[in-house]
N, C-alpha and C. Protein backbone atom coordinates (compact mmCIF):
# COMPACT_ATOMS: atom_id res chain seq x y z
N MET A 1 -82.90 5.59 1.37
CA MET A 1 -84.21 6.58 2.15
C MET A 1 -83.84 7.12 2.84
N VAL A 2 -84.48 8.74 3.25
CA VAL A 2 -84.90 9.40 4.60
C VAL A 2 -85.73 9.19 5.37
N THR A 3 -85.30 9.01 5.92
CA THR A 3 -86.87 8.84 6.89
C THR A 3 -87.02 10.30 7.70
N LEU A 4 -88.24 11.08 7.02
CA LEU A 4 -88.17 12.59 7.96
C LEU A 4 -89.71 12.08 9.49
N SER A 5 -89.38 12.98 10.22
CA SER A 5 -90.23 13.09 11.59
C SER A 5 -91.33 13.67 11.06
N ASP A 6 -92.58 13.33 11.86
CA ASP A 6 -93.78 14.27 11.31
C ASP A 6 -93.68 15.39 11.26
N ASP A 7 -93.04 15.54 11.97
CA ASP A 7 -92.70 17.39 11.98
C ASP A 7 -91.84 17.98 10.46
N GLU A 8 -90.88 17.46 9.95
CA GLU A 8 -90.42 17.26 8.85
C GLU A 8 -91.85 17.50 8.14
N VAL A 9 -92.23 16.21 7.74
CA VAL A 9 -92.70 15.84 6.96
C VAL A 9 -94.42 17.14 6.53
N ALA A 10 -94.49 17.40 7.79
CA ALA A 10 -96.24 19.10 8.07
C ALA A 10 -95.10 19.93 7.52
N LEU A 11 -93.60 20.27 8.25
CA LEU A 11 -93.31 21.14 7.36
C LEU A 11 -92.99 20.94 6.15
N ILE A 12 -92.44 20.46 5.28
CA ILE A 12 -92.54 20.34 3.78
C ILE A 12 -93.22 20.64 3.21
N ARG A 13 -94.76 19.75 4.00
CA ARG A 13 -95.86 19.79 2.87
C ARG A 13 -96.75 21.23 2.90
N SER A 14 -96.52 21.85 3.87
CA SER A 14 -97.22 23.67 3.76
C SER A 14 -95.63 24.34 3.03
N ILE A 15 -94.76 24.31 3.20
CA ILE A 15 -93.88 24.92 1.92
C ILE A 15 -94.54 24.67 0.38
N LEU A 16 -94.39 23.17 0.72
CA LEU A 16 -95.07 22.83 -0.92
C LEU A 16 -96.14 23.79 -0.99
N THR A 17 -97.26 23.77 0.08
CA THR A 17 -98.69 24.31 -0.56
C THR A 17 -98.73 25.79 -0.75
N ALA A 18 -97.48 26.41 0.13
CA ALA A 18 -97.55 28.43 -0.14
C ALA A 18 -96.58 28.39 -1.29
N LEU A 19 -95.82 27.40 -1.34
CA LEU A 19 -95.40 27.23 -3.71
C LEU A 19 -96.74 27.47 -4.25
N ARG A 20 -97.08 26.38 -3.74
CA ARG A 20 -97.67 25.78 -5.01
C ARG A 20 -99.79 27.51 -4.79
N ALA A 21 -99.48 28.15 -4.04
CA ALA A 21 -100.95 29.27 -3.89
C ALA A 21 -99.43 30.09 -4.31
N ILE A 22 -98.45 30.41 -4.89
CA ILE A 22 -97.56 31.67 -5.82
C ILE A 22 -98.03 31.15 -6.87
N LYS A 23 -98.85 32.10 -7.25
CA LYS A 23 -99.15 32.32 -9.13
C LYS A 23 -98.15 32.39 -9.60
N ILE A 24 -97.99 31.83 -11.01
CA ILE A 24 -96.79 32.15 -12.07
C ILE A 24 -96.98 34.21 -12.34
N ARG A 25 -98.44 34.31 -12.46
CA ARG A 25 -98.12 35.60 -12.72
C ARG A 25 -97.47 36.78 -12.24
N ASP A 26 -97.84 36.29 -11.09
CA ASP A 26 -97.47 37.43 -9.85
C ASP A 26 -95.71 37.21 -9.99
N ILE A 27 -94.95 35.83 -10.22
CA ILE A 27 -93.70 35.96 -10.18
C ILE A 27 -93.23 36.57 -11.64
N ASP A 28 -94.55 36.53 -12.47
CA ASP A 28 -93.93 37.37 -14.29
C ASP A 28 -93.86 39.03 -13.28
N LYS A 29 -94.60 39.44 -12.99
CA LYS A 29 -95.41 40.61 -12.31
C LYS A 29 -93.99 40.78 -11.71
N ALA A 30 -93.76 39.93 -10.23
CA ALA A 30 -92.74 40.92 -10.19
C ALA A 30 -91.12 40.65 -10.86
N LEU A 31 -91.12 40.54 -11.94
CA LEU A 31 -89.75 40.25 -12.44
C LEU A 31 -89.62 41.23 -12.82
N VAL A 32 -90.70 41.62 -13.88
CA VAL A 32 -91.03 42.92 -14.72
C VAL A 32 -91.08 43.83 -14.06
N ILE A 33 -91.48 44.05 -12.52
CA ILE A 33 -91.02 45.08 -11.71
C ILE A 33 -89.27 45.86 -11.43
N LEU A 34 -89.02 43.81 -11.07
CA LEU A 34 -87.58 44.18 -10.70
C LEU A 34 -86.64 44.86 -11.85
N ALA A 35 -87.32 44.22 -13.44
CA ALA A 35 -86.24 45.16 -13.86
C ALA A 35 -86.40 46.36 -14.47
N LYS A 36 -87.68 47.03 -14.42
CA LYS A 36 -88.09 48.31 -14.95
C LYS A 36 -87.08 49.10 -13.52
N ALA A 37 -87.18 48.50 -12.68
CA ALA A 37 -86.73 49.02 -10.98
C ALA A 37 -85.02 49.04 -11.86
N GLU A 38 -84.03 47.83 -11.98
CA GLU A 38 -82.85 47.76 -12.10
C GLU A 38 -82.25 49.08 -13.41
N LYS A 39 -83.49 49.36 -14.67
CA LYS A 39 -82.99 49.83 -15.54
C LYS A 39 -82.61 51.30 -15.23
N GLY A 40 -83.94 51.34 -14.06
CA GLY A 40 -84.29 52.98 -14.01
C GLY A 40 -82.81 53.80 -12.87
N GLY A 41 -82.60 52.30 -12.68
CA GLY A 41 -81.79 53.24 -11.35
C GLY A 41 -80.27 52.94 -11.22
N ARG A 42 -80.34 53.04 -13.13
CA ARG A 42 -78.68 52.63 -13.83
C ARG A 42 -78.78 54.18 -14.44
């Protein structure tokens, strides 16, 4: 088992909280935009 320092735990917690704040719909919208941009560039 890995032992983490308090700073490492706080960092991981903040990263997980930030990831949780990102909504799936926002990711889907971004993928659609990127797909359109990719098709338009070719």
